[in-house]
């Protein structure tokens, strides 16, 4: 499957390139880490690093995990565009994906963010199989991919997978609604704090690889507004920013600067999905690589360097 790849630094551009994601069995393969390194932040991805997959009962893991494929998600990769028929559901381990709504004039705004807390592709099991949003990787990393056919087979069993993903969908709808309210009624300073906190919740680090221009595109505001808001946080010692990188130095004070929306989202998510924290990255054991995996990884590097 070829995925559209947006040109880095242009989140609103409709011009796309394509790449074929490298796919390996769910256990990972340490021999491929040198190819994955620019995209997979974890040295050894594991399905249990995704909280939804980690919450599944053992019997359902045994049915689903052998059908998972590990894919690399470079910054700017489009998992799907508006109107595309979805073929896979993605479970990120250390990547963060933004669901965006793009207007006819090319302007965009983020309606929700998905990381190791959830999945991309809920339209597959909700019945619509297409959506009006587009899914763009905002923080590079890895994800596990499951075919729509295999997911529907599991849903037909009416087990925990069905109930878990339906509860997750409710939490995602809540995030979309809260984001709309926040963008309408709260300041850019508060929106930036909320966005940073939501991103941190989905990473195993306090560092975000993100430009102010891309943040502005996600929030649907002018870049100057993000620059001013980030400058205030840096002066107060809450974050440290240099081009393309944000280090959160004081999360407690960052939460104090945020609006009520972040706290409301976190409470509702914890109510709907009282999941255990996904494990930190661990050393991977060697495994069999699907044919062409290493060549696909090299192709990704050649394409991006070109």
C-alpha atoms as a PDB file:
ATOM      1  CA  UNK A   1       0.000   0.000   0.000  1.00  0.00           C
ATOM      2  CA  UNK A   2       1.370   3.411  -0.938  1.00  0.00           C
ATOM      3  CA  UNK A   3       0.643   6.253   1.443  1.00  0.00           C
ATOM      4  CA  UNK A   4       0.678   9.967   0.523  1.00  0.00           C
ATOM      5  CA  UNK A   5       3.557  11.829   2.125  1.00  0.00           C
ATOM      6  CA  UNK A   6       3.178  15.564   2.640  1.00  0.00           C
ATOM      7  CA  UNK A   7       6.189  17.739   2.018  1.00  0.00           C
ATOM      8  CA  UNK A   8       7.773  18.494   5.384  1.00  0.00           C
ATOM      9  CA  UNK A   9       6.950  21.959   6.728  1.00  0.00           C
ATOM     10  CA  UNK A  10       3.815  22.370   4.585  1.00  0.00           C
ATOM     11  CA  UNK A  11       0.926  20.874   6.544  1.00  0.00           C
ATOM     12  CA  UNK A  12      -1.679  22.477   4.273  1.00  0.00           C
ATOM     13  CA  UNK A  13      -0.210  21.393   0.956  1.00  0.00           C
ATOM     14  CA  UNK A  14      -2.297  19.048  -1.169  1.00  0.00           C
ATOM     15  CA  UNK A  15       0.762  18.034  -3.206  1.00  0.00           C
ATOM     16  CA  UNK A  16       1.839  14.610  -2.103  1.00  0.00           C
ATOM     17  CA  UNK A  17       4.582  12.109  -2.667  1.00  0.00           C
ATOM     18  CA  UNK A  18       4.211   8.403  -1.980  1.00  0.00           C
ATOM     19  CA  UNK A  19       6.207   5.779  -0.145  1.00  0.00           C
ATOM     20  CA  UNK A  20       5.696   2.108   0.606  1.00  0.00           C
ATOM     21  CA  UNK A  21       5.827   1.589   4.386  1.00  0.00           C
ATOM     22  CA  UNK A  22       8.181  -1.068   5.628  1.00  0.00           C
ATOM     23  CA  UNK A  23       6.193  -3.858   7.252  1.00  0.00           C
ATOM     24  CA  UNK A  24       7.539  -6.526   9.617  1.00  0.00           C
ATOM     25  CA  UNK A  25       5.869  -9.018  12.015  1.00  0.00           C
ATOM     26  CA  UNK A  26       4.528  -7.643  15.270  1.00  0.00           C
ATOM     27  CA  UNK A  27       7.477  -8.815  17.400  1.00  0.00           C
ATOM     28  CA  UNK A  28       9.835  -6.426  15.561  1.00  0.00           C
ATOM     29  CA  UNK A  29      13.332  -7.153  14.297  1.00  0.00           C
ATOM     30  CA  UNK A  30      16.440  -5.652  15.843  1.00  0.00           C
ATOM     31  CA  UNK A  31      18.378  -5.965  12.567  1.00  0.00           C
ATOM     32  CA  UNK A  32      16.143  -3.329  10.969  1.00  0.00           C
ATOM     33  CA  UNK A  33      16.536  -0.695  13.686  1.00  0.00           C
ATOM     34  CA  UNK A  34      19.210   1.203  11.754  1.00  0.00           C
ATOM     35  CA  UNK A  35      16.684   1.690   8.952  1.00  0.00           C
ATOM     36  CA  UNK A  36      13.789   2.563  11.262  1.00  0.00           C
ATOM     37  CA  UNK A  37      15.717   4.886  13.579  1.00  0.00           C
ATOM     38  CA  UNK A  38      14.709   8.213  12.001  1.00  0.00           C
ATOM     39  CA  UNK A  39      11.040   7.305  12.381  1.00  0.00           C
ATOM     40  CA  UNK A  40      10.673   4.764  15.214  1.00  0.00           C
ATOM     41  CA  UNK A  41      11.649   6.502  18.417  1.00  0.00           C
ATOM     42  CA  UNK A  42      11.550   3.226  20.376  1.00  0.00           C
ATOM     43  CA  UNK A  43      14.539   0.921  19.807  1.00  0.00           C
ATOM     44  CA  UNK A  44      12.210  -2.092  19.902  1.00  0.00           C
ATOM     45  CA  UNK A  45       8.491  -1.433  19.281  1.00  0.00           C
ATOM     46  CA  UNK A  46       6.034  -3.771  20.978  1.00  0.00           C
ATOM     47  CA  UNK A  47       2.239  -3.982  20.488  1.00  0.00           C
ATOM     48  CA  UNK A  48       1.782  -3.616  24.253  1.00  0.00           C
ATOM     49  CA  UNK A  49       3.100  -0.049  23.968  1.00  0.00           C
ATOM     50  CA  UNK A  50      -0.316   0.793  22.518  1.00  0.00           C
ATOM     51  CA  UNK A  51      -2.774   1.054  25.405  1.00  0.00           C
ATOM     52  CA  UNK A  52      -5.738  -0.350  23.511  1.00  0.00           C
ATOM     53  CA  UNK A  53      -3.816  -3.448  22.464  1.00  0.00           C
ATOM     54  CA  UNK A  54      -2.388  -3.785  25.968  1.00  0.00           C
ATOM     55  CA  UNK A  55      -5.909  -3.767  27.438  1.00  0.00           C
ATOM     56  CA  UNK A  56      -7.128  -6.735  25.383  1.00  0.00           C
ATOM     57  CA  UNK A  57      -7.670 -10.074  27.141  1.00  0.00           C
ATOM     58  CA  UNK A  58      -5.008 -12.680  26.487  1.00  0.00           C
ATOM     59  CA  UNK A  59      -7.276 -14.784  24.261  1.00  0.00           C
ATOM     60  CA  UNK A  60      -7.987 -11.842  21.958  1.00  0.00           C
ATOM     61  CA  UNK A  61      -4.316 -10.870  21.834  1.00  0.00           C
ATOM     62  CA  UNK A  62      -3.484 -14.387  20.668  1.00  0.00           C
ATOM     63  CA  UNK A  63      -5.995 -14.065  17.825  1.00  0.00           C
ATOM     64  CA  UNK A  64      -5.080 -10.512  16.777  1.00  0.00           C
ATOM     65  CA  UNK A  65      -1.333 -10.078  17.359  1.00  0.00           C
ATOM     66  CA  UNK A  66      -0.168 -12.575  14.684  1.00  0.00           C
ATOM     67  CA  UNK A  67      -2.019 -10.449  12.100  1.00  0.00           C
ATOM     68  CA  UNK A  68      -0.361  -7.146  13.106  1.00  0.00           C
ATOM     69  CA  UNK A  69       2.300  -5.568  10.906  1.00  0.00           C
ATOM     70  CA  UNK A  70       4.760  -2.938  12.109  1.00  0.00           C
ATOM     71  CA  UNK A  71       4.942   0.153   9.882  1.00  0.00           C
ATOM     72  CA  UNK A  72       7.130   3.251  10.075  1.00  0.00           C
ATOM     73  CA  UNK A  73       5.405   6.635  10.028  1.00  0.00           C
ATOM     74  CA  UNK A  74       7.643   9.540   8.936  1.00  0.00           C
ATOM     75  CA  UNK A  75       6.745  13.123   9.813  1.00  0.00           C
ATOM     76  CA  UNK A  76       4.101  14.423   7.418  1.00  0.00           C
ATOM     77  CA  UNK A  77       2.937  10.989   6.242  1.00  0.00           C
ATOM     78  CA  UNK A  78      -0.783  10.970   5.350  1.00  0.00           C
ATOM     79  CA  UNK A  79      -2.403   7.735   6.482  1.00  0.00           C
ATOM     80  CA  UNK A  80      -5.547   8.667   4.603  1.00  0.00           C
ATOM     81  CA  UNK A  81      -7.136  11.613   2.840  1.00  0.00           C
ATOM     82  CA  UNK A  82     -10.707  12.891   3.005  1.00  0.00           C
ATOM     83  CA  UNK A  83     -13.002  10.499   1.173  1.00  0.00           C
ATOM     84  CA  UNK A  84     -10.516   7.607   1.001  1.00  0.00           C
ATOM     85  CA  UNK A  85     -11.905   4.135   1.662  1.00  0.00           C
ATOM     86  CA  UNK A  86      -9.995   2.830   4.654  1.00  0.00           C
ATOM     87  CA  UNK A  87      -8.297  -0.558   4.448  1.00  0.00           C
ATOM     88  CA  UNK A  88      -6.395  -0.662   7.746  1.00  0.00           C
ATOM     89  CA  UNK A  89      -6.662   0.407  11.351  1.00  0.00           C
ATOM     90  CA  UNK A  90      -3.421   1.728  12.903  1.00  0.00           C
ATOM     91  CA  UNK A  91      -2.358   1.397  16.541  1.00  0.00           C
ATOM     92  CA  UNK A  92       0.544   3.843  17.212  1.00  0.00           C
ATOM     93  CA  UNK A  93       3.291   2.924  19.666  1.00  0.00           C
ATOM     94  CA  UNK A  94       5.353   6.130  19.677  1.00  0.00           C
ATOM     95  CA  UNK A  95       4.014   8.123  16.712  1.00  0.00           C
ATOM     96  CA  UNK A  96       1.393  10.862  17.069  1.00  0.00           C
ATOM     97  CA  UNK A  97      -1.203  11.374  14.337  1.00  0.00           C
ATOM     98  CA  UNK A  98      -3.402  14.442  13.896  1.00  0.00           C
ATOM     99  CA  UNK A  99      -6.881  14.194  12.422  1.00  0.00           C
ATOM    100  CA  UNK A 100      -7.359  17.375  10.395  1.00  0.00           C
ATOM    101  CA  UNK A 101     -10.190  19.010   8.528  1.00  0.00           C
ATOM    102  CA  UNK A 102      -8.953  20.797   5.420  1.00  0.00           C
ATOM    103  CA  UNK A 103     -10.955  23.561   3.728  1.00  0.00           C
ATOM    104  CA  UNK A 104     -11.162  24.179  -0.018  1.00  0.00           C
ATOM    105  CA  UNK A 105      -8.654  27.055   0.270  1.00  0.00           C
ATOM    106  CA  UNK A 106      -6.079  24.700   1.842  1.00  0.00           C
ATOM    107  CA  UNK A 107      -6.396  25.970   5.409  1.00  0.00           C
ATOM    108  CA  UNK A 108      -6.662  23.283   8.049  1.00  0.00           C
ATOM    109  CA  UNK A 109      -7.363  22.738  11.736  1.00  0.00           C
ATOM    110  CA  UNK A 110      -6.815  19.762  14.000  1.00  0.00           C
ATOM    111  CA  UNK A 111      -9.968  18.109  15.335  1.00  0.00           C
ATOM    112  CA  UNK A 112      -8.264  15.406  17.416  1.00  0.00           C
ATOM    113  CA  UNK A 113      -4.913  13.797  18.159  1.00  0.00           C
ATOM    114  CA  UNK A 114      -4.145  10.082  18.415  1.00  0.00           C
ATOM    115  CA  UNK A 115      -1.078   8.383  19.852  1.00  0.00           C
ATOM    116  CA  UNK A 116      -0.347   5.285  21.899  1.00  0.00           C
ATOM    117  CA  UNK A 117      -3.686   5.810  23.628  1.00  0.00           C
ATOM    118  CA  UNK A 118      -5.766   4.846  20.625  1.00  0.00           C
ATOM    119  CA  UNK A 119      -6.222   3.946  16.988  1.00  0.00           C
ATOM    120  CA  UNK A 120      -6.604   5.604  13.585  1.00  0.00           C
ATOM    121  CA  UNK A 121      -9.367   4.335  11.347  1.00  0.00           C
ATOM    122  CA  UNK A 122     -12.512   4.145  13.504  1.00  0.00           C
ATOM    123  CA  UNK A 123     -14.647   4.537  10.362  1.00  0.00           C
ATOM    124  CA  UNK A 124     -13.736   0.940   9.517  1.00  0.00           C
ATOM    125  CA  UNK A 125     -15.712  -0.519  12.397  1.00  0.00           C
ATOM    126  CA  UNK A 126     -18.359   2.221  12.647  1.00  0.00           C
ATOM    127  CA  UNK A 127     -19.671   1.194   9.221  1.00  0.00           C
ATOM    128  CA  UNK A 128     -18.922   4.286   7.120  1.00  0.00           C
ATOM    129  CA  UNK A 129     -15.442   3.175   5.958  1.00  0.00           C
ATOM    130  CA  UNK A 130     -14.662   6.729   4.759  1.00  0.00           C
ATOM    131  CA  UNK A 131     -14.309  10.049   6.573  1.00  0.00           C
ATOM    132  CA  UNK A 132     -14.169  13.765   5.755  1.00  0.00           C
ATOM    133  CA  UNK A 133     -10.948  14.270   7.741  1.00  0.00           C
ATOM    134  CA  UNK A 134      -7.355  13.461   6.853  1.00  0.00           C
ATOM    135  CA  UNK A 135      -4.818  11.752   9.136  1.00  0.00           C
ATOM    136  CA  UNK A 136      -1.321  13.289   9.198  1.00  0.00           C
ATOM    137  CA  UNK A 137       1.694  12.173  11.241  1.00  0.00           C
ATOM    138  CA  UNK A 138       2.713  15.078  13.480  1.00  0.00           C
ATOM    139  CA  UNK A 139       5.414  13.164  15.382  1.00  0.00           C
ATOM    140  CA  UNK A 140       7.368  10.420  13.613  1.00  0.00           C
ATOM    141  CA  UNK A 141       7.404   6.911  14.985  1.00  0.00           C
ATOM    142  CA  UNK A 142       5.864   3.485  14.496  1.00  0.00           C
ATOM    143  CA  UNK A 143       2.445   1.876  14.511  1.00  0.00           C
ATOM    144  CA  UNK A 144       0.956  -1.586  14.231  1.00  0.00           C
ATOM    145  CA  UNK A 145      -1.453  -2.104  11.369  1.00  0.00           C
ATOM    146  CA  UNK A 146      -4.400  -4.508  11.165  1.00  0.00           C
ATOM    147  CA  UNK A 147      -6.497  -5.113   8.053  1.00  0.00           C
ATOM    148  CA  UNK A 148     -10.113  -4.032   8.055  1.00  0.00           C
ATOM    149  CA  UNK A 149     -11.241  -7.549   7.180  1.00  0.00           C
ATOM    150  CA  UNK A 150      -9.469  -9.041  10.203  1.00  0.00           C
ATOM    151  CA  UNK A 151     -10.865  -6.321  12.482  1.00  0.00           C
ATOM    152  CA  UNK A 152     -14.422  -6.992  11.313  1.00  0.00           C
ATOM    153  CA  UNK A 153     -13.953 -10.706  11.943  1.00  0.00           C
ATOM    154  CA  UNK A 154     -12.982  -9.907  15.527  1.00  0.00           C
ATOM    155  CA  UNK A 155     -15.942  -7.544  15.917  1.00  0.00           C
ATOM    156  CA  UNK A 156     -18.291 -10.328  14.825  1.00  0.00           C
ATOM    157  CA  UNK A 157     -17.285 -12.241  17.981  1.00  0.00           C
ATOM    158  CA  UNK A 158     -18.833  -9.453  20.121  1.00  0.00           C
ATOM    159  CA  UNK A 159     -15.927  -9.650  22.547  1.00  0.00           C
ATOM    160  CA  UNK A 160     -13.833  -7.117  24.443  1.00  0.00           C
ATOM    161  CA  UNK A 161     -12.271  -5.721  21.246  1.00  0.00           C
ATOM    162  CA  UNK A 162     -15.671  -4.446  20.134  1.00  0.00           C
ATOM    163  CA  UNK A 163     -16.533  -2.875  23.506  1.00  0.00           C
ATOM    164  CA  UNK A 164     -13.067  -1.385  23.962  1.00  0.00           C
ATOM    165  CA  UNK A 165     -13.000   0.285  20.538  1.00  0.00           C
ATOM    166  CA  UNK A 166     -16.532   1.633  20.941  1.00  0.00           C
ATOM    167  CA  UNK A 167     -15.569   3.234  24.250  1.00  0.00           C
ATOM    168  CA  UNK A 168     -12.457   4.639  22.602  1.00  0.00           C
ATOM    169  CA  UNK A 169     -14.622   6.109  19.823  1.00  0.00           C
ATOM    170  CA  UNK A 170     -16.727   7.888  22.433  1.00  0.00           C
ATOM    171  CA  UNK A 171     -13.568   9.376  23.962  1.00  0.00           C
ATOM    172  CA  UNK A 172     -12.457  10.489  20.491  1.00  0.00           C
ATOM    173  CA  UNK A 173     -15.816  12.209  19.862  1.00  0.00           C
ATOM    174  CA  UNK A 174     -15.438  13.934  23.233  1.00  0.00           C
ATOM    175  CA  UNK A 175     -12.001  15.188  22.221  1.00  0.00           C
ATOM    176  CA  UNK A 176     -13.373  16.566  18.946  1.00  0.00           C
ATOM    177  CA  UNK A 177     -16.185  18.402  20.727  1.00  0.00           C
ATOM    178  CA  UNK A 178     -13.882  19.813  23.408  1.00  0.00           C
ATOM    179  CA  UNK A 179     -11.377  20.936  20.759  1.00  0.00           C
ATOM    180  CA  UNK A 180     -14.113  22.843  18.908  1.00  0.00           C
ATOM    181  CA  UNK A 181     -15.139  24.620  22.120  1.00  0.00           C
ATOM    182  CA  UNK A 182     -11.507  25.384  23.025  1.00  0.00           C
ATOM    183  CA  UNK A 183     -10.683  26.823  19.604  1.00  0.00           C
ATOM    184  CA  UNK A 184     -13.730  29.094  19.803  1.00  0.00           C
ATOM    185  CA  UNK A 185     -13.541  30.377  23.371  1.00  0.00           C
ATOM    186  CA  UNK A 186      -9.950  30.126  24.653  1.00  0.00           C
ATOM    187  CA  UNK A 187      -6.795  32.064  23.901  1.00  0.00           C
ATOM    188  CA  UNK A 188      -3.950  30.844  21.699  1.00  0.00           C
ATOM    189  CA  UNK A 189      -1.801  30.603  24.853  1.00  0.00           C
ATOM    190  CA  UNK A 190      -4.297  28.207  26.442  1.00  0.00           C
ATOM    191  CA  UNK A 191      -4.774  26.225  23.229  1.00  0.00           C
ATOM    192  CA  UNK A 192      -1.012  25.755  22.893  1.00  0.00           C
ATOM    193  CA  UNK A 193      -0.766  24.460  26.481  1.00  0.00           C
ATOM    194  CA  UNK A 194      -3.636  22.026  25.873  1.00  0.00           C
ATOM    195  CA  UNK A 195      -2.048  20.813  22.649  1.00  0.00           C
ATOM    196  CA  UNK A 196       1.361  20.297  24.269  1.00  0.00           C
ATOM    197  CA  UNK A 197      -0.164  18.343  27.161  1.00  0.00           C
ATOM    198  CA  UNK A 198      -2.207  16.094  24.880  1.00  0.00           C
ATOM    199  CA  UNK A 199       0.932  15.360  22.859  1.00  0.00           C
ATOM    200  CA  UNK A 200       3.021  14.628  25.969  1.00  0.00           C
ATOM    201  CA  UNK A 201       0.395  12.176  27.216  1.00  0.00           C
ATOM    202  CA  UNK A 202       1.058  10.109  24.092  1.00  0.00           C
ATOM    203  CA  UNK A 203       4.860  10.041  24.290  1.00  0.00           C
ATOM    204  CA  UNK A 204       7.471   8.455  26.574  1.00  0.00           C
ATOM    205  CA  UNK A 205       9.457  11.696  26.587  1.00  0.00           C
ATOM    206  CA  UNK A 206       9.080  15.391  27.455  1.00  0.00           C
ATOM    207  CA  UNK A 207      10.505  16.444  24.083  1.00  0.00           C
ATOM    208  CA  UNK A 208       8.450  17.218  20.982  1.00  0.00           C
ATOM    209  CA  UNK A 209       9.964  17.445  17.499  1.00  0.00           C
ATOM    210  CA  UNK A 210       7.690  20.106  16.051  1.00  0.00           C
ATOM    211  CA  UNK A 211       8.015  23.500  14.348  1.00  0.00           C
ATOM    212  CA  UNK A 212       5.886  26.490  15.305  1.00  0.00           C
ATOM    213  CA  UNK A 213       4.557  26.645  11.751  1.00  0.00           C
ATOM    214  CA  UNK A 214       3.231  23.111  11.981  1.00  0.00           C
ATOM    215  CA  UNK A 215       1.694  23.778  15.414  1.00  0.00           C
ATOM    216  CA  UNK A 216      -0.035  26.828  13.964  1.00  0.00           C
ATOM    217  CA  UNK A 217      -1.468  24.696  11.167  1.00  0.00           C
ATOM    218  CA  UNK A 218      -2.719  22.146  13.698  1.00  0.00           C
ATOM    219  CA  UNK A 219      -4.406  24.806  15.829  1.00  0.00           C
ATOM    220  CA  UNK A 220      -5.708  26.734  12.824  1.00  0.00           C
ATOM    221  CA  UNK A 221      -4.107  30.013  13.971  1.00  0.00           C
ATOM    222  CA  UNK A 222      -1.431  32.384  12.658  1.00  0.00           C
ATOM    223  CA  UNK A 223       2.184  31.402  13.233  1.00  0.00           C
ATOM    224  CA  UNK A 224       2.868  34.710  14.977  1.00  0.00           C
ATOM    225  CA  UNK A 225       0.323  33.790  17.646  1.00  0.00           C
ATOM    226  CA  UNK A 226       2.097  30.504  18.368  1.00  0.00           C
ATOM    227  CA  UNK A 227       5.494  32.250  18.409  1.00  0.00           C
ATOM    228  CA  UNK A 228       4.240  34.755  20.984  1.00  0.00           C
ATOM    229  CA  UNK A 229       2.589  32.087  23.151  1.00  0.00           C
ATOM    230  CA  UNK A 230       5.675  29.839  23.064  1.00  0.00           C
ATOM    231  CA  UNK A 231       7.876  32.819  23.926  1.00  0.00           C
ATOM    232  CA  UNK A 232       5.824  33.511  27.057  1.00  0.00           C
ATOM    233  CA  UNK A 233       6.139  29.900  28.205  1.00  0.00           C
ATOM    234  CA  UNK A 234       9.885  29.941  27.568  1.00  0.00           C
ATOM    235  CA  UNK A 235      10.400  33.162  29.532  1.00  0.00           C
ATOM    236  CA  UNK A 236       8.607  31.578  32.489  1.00  0.00           C
ATOM    237  CA  UNK A 237      10.870  28.530  32.338  1.00  0.00           C
ATOM    238  CA  UNK A 238       8.023  26.151  31.463  1.00  0.00           C
ATOM    239  CA  UNK A 239       9.404  25.091  28.080  1.00  0.00           C
ATOM    240  CA  UNK A 240      12.664  25.426  26.172  1.00  0.00           C
ATOM    241  CA  UNK A 241      12.272  25.968  22.450  1.00  0.00           C
ATOM    242  CA  UNK A 242      14.746  25.867  19.618  1.00  0.00           C
ATOM    243  CA  UNK A 243      13.912  25.407  15.974  1.00  0.00           C
ATOM    244  CA  UNK A 244      12.011  22.172  15.474  1.00  0.00           C
ATOM    245  CA  UNK A 245      12.205  21.063  19.130  1.00  0.00           C
ATOM    246  CA  UNK A 246      10.209  21.797  22.276  1.00  0.00           C
ATOM    247  CA  UNK A 247      11.351  20.535  25.688  1.00  0.00           C
ATOM    248  CA  UNK A 248       8.762  20.717  28.463  1.00  0.00           C
ATOM    249  CA  UNK A 249      10.645  21.625  31.641  1.00  0.00           C
ATOM    250  CA  UNK A 250       7.770  22.035  34.111  1.00  0.00           C
ATOM    251  CA  UNK A 251       4.645  20.019  33.337  1.00  0.00           C
ATOM    252  CA  UNK A 252       2.841  21.074  36.523  1.00  0.00           C
ATOM    253  CA  UNK A 253       3.017  24.750  35.604  1.00  0.00           C
ATOM    254  CA  UNK A 254       2.095  23.915  32.015  1.00  0.00           C
ATOM    255  CA  UNK A 255      -1.126  22.312  33.290  1.00  0.00           C
ATOM    256  CA  UNK A 256      -1.803  25.413  35.386  1.00  0.00           C
ATOM    257  CA  UNK A 257      -1.502  27.581  32.261  1.00  0.00           C
ATOM    258  CA  UNK A 258      -3.851  25.378  30.266  1.00  0.00           C
ATOM    259  CA  UNK A 259      -7.597  25.862  30.093  1.00  0.00           C
ATOM    260  CA  UNK A 260     -10.240  23.556  31.581  1.00  0.00           C
ATOM    261  CA  UNK A 261     -10.429  21.591  28.319  1.00  0.00           C
ATOM    262  CA  UNK A 262      -7.361  19.471  29.002  1.00  0.00           C
ATOM    263  CA  UNK A 263      -8.566  18.447  32.451  1.00  0.00           C
ATOM    264  CA  UNK A 264     -12.057  17.690  31.123  1.00  0.00           C
ATOM    265  CA  UNK A 265     -10.626  15.495  28.358  1.00  0.00           C
ATOM    266  CA  UNK A 266      -8.349  13.618  30.706  1.00  0.00           C
ATOM    267  CA  UNK A 267     -11.147  12.918  33.202  1.00  0.00           C
ATOM    268  CA  UNK A 268     -13.464  11.599  30.505  1.00  0.00           C
ATOM    269  CA  UNK A 269     -10.758   9.475  28.894  1.00  0.00           C
ATOM    270  CA  UNK A 270      -9.843   7.905  32.224  1.00  0.00           C
ATOM    271  CA  UNK A 271     -13.543   7.216  32.903  1.00  0.00           C
ATOM    272  CA  UNK A 272     -14.121   5.513  29.554  1.00  0.00           C
ATOM    273  CA  UNK A 273     -10.740   3.822  29.227  1.00  0.00           C
ATOM    274  CA  UNK A 274      -9.253   2.977  32.627  1.00  0.00           C
ATOM    275  CA  UNK A 275      -6.294   1.380  30.889  1.00  0.00           C
ATOM    276  CA  UNK A 276      -2.948   0.504  32.327  1.00  0.00           C
ATOM    277  CA  UNK A 277       0.023   2.596  31.191  1.00  0.00           C
ATOM    278  CA  UNK A 278       1.700   1.131  28.140  1.00  0.00           C
ATOM    279  CA  UNK A 279       5.165  -0.291  28.918  1.00  0.00           C
ATOM    280  CA  UNK A 280       8.299   1.645  28.110  1.00  0.00           C
ATOM    281  CA  UNK A 281      10.300   0.458  25.101  1.00  0.00           C
ATOM    282  CA  UNK A 282      12.291  -2.715  25.726  1.00  0.00           C
ATOM    283  CA  UNK A 283      14.855  -4.726  23.817  1.00  0.00           C
ATOM    284  CA  UNK A 284      13.361  -6.613  20.911  1.00  0.00           C
ATOM    285  CA  UNK A 285      13.965 -10.259  20.165  1.00  0.00           C
ATOM    286  CA  UNK A 286      14.923 -11.208  16.620  1.00  0.00           C
ATOM    287  CA  UNK A 287      12.100 -12.293  14.360  1.00  0.00           C
ATOM    288  CA  UNK A 288      11.446 -13.297  10.791  1.00  0.00           C
ATOM    289  CA  UNK A 289      11.175 -10.338   8.426  1.00  0.00           C
ATOM    290  CA  UNK A 290       8.484 -10.293   5.785  1.00  0.00           C
ATOM    291  CA  UNK A 291       9.908 -10.434   2.235  1.00  0.00           C
ATOM    292  CA  UNK A 292      11.132  -7.086   0.975  1.00  0.00           C
ATOM    293  CA  UNK A 293      11.058  -5.371   4.372  1.00  0.00           C
ATOM    294  CA  UNK A 294      14.672  -4.204   4.391  1.00  0.00           C
ATOM    295  CA  UNK A 295      14.458  -3.026   0.786  1.00  0.00           C
ATOM    296  CA  UNK A 296      11.320  -1.063   1.602  1.00  0.00           C
ATOM    297  CA  UNK A 297      13.114   0.600   4.503  1.00  0.00           C
ATOM    298  CA  UNK A 298      15.991   1.609   2.221  1.00  0.00           C
ATOM    299  CA  UNK A 299      13.487   2.979  -0.291  1.00  0.00           C
ATOM    300  CA  UNK A 300      11.982   5.204   2.390  1.00  0.00           C
ATOM    301  CA  UNK A 301      15.415   6.667   3.136  1.00  0.00           C
ATOM    302  CA  UNK A 302      16.237   7.209  -0.529  1.00  0.00           C
ATOM    303  CA  UNK A 303      12.933   8.927  -1.178  1.00  0.00           C
ATOM    304  CA  UNK A 304      13.143  11.285   1.777  1.00  0.00           C
ATOM    305  CA  UNK A 305      16.765  12.183   1.206  1.00  0.00           C
ATOM    306  CA  UNK A 306      15.965  12.955  -2.415  1.00  0.00           C
END
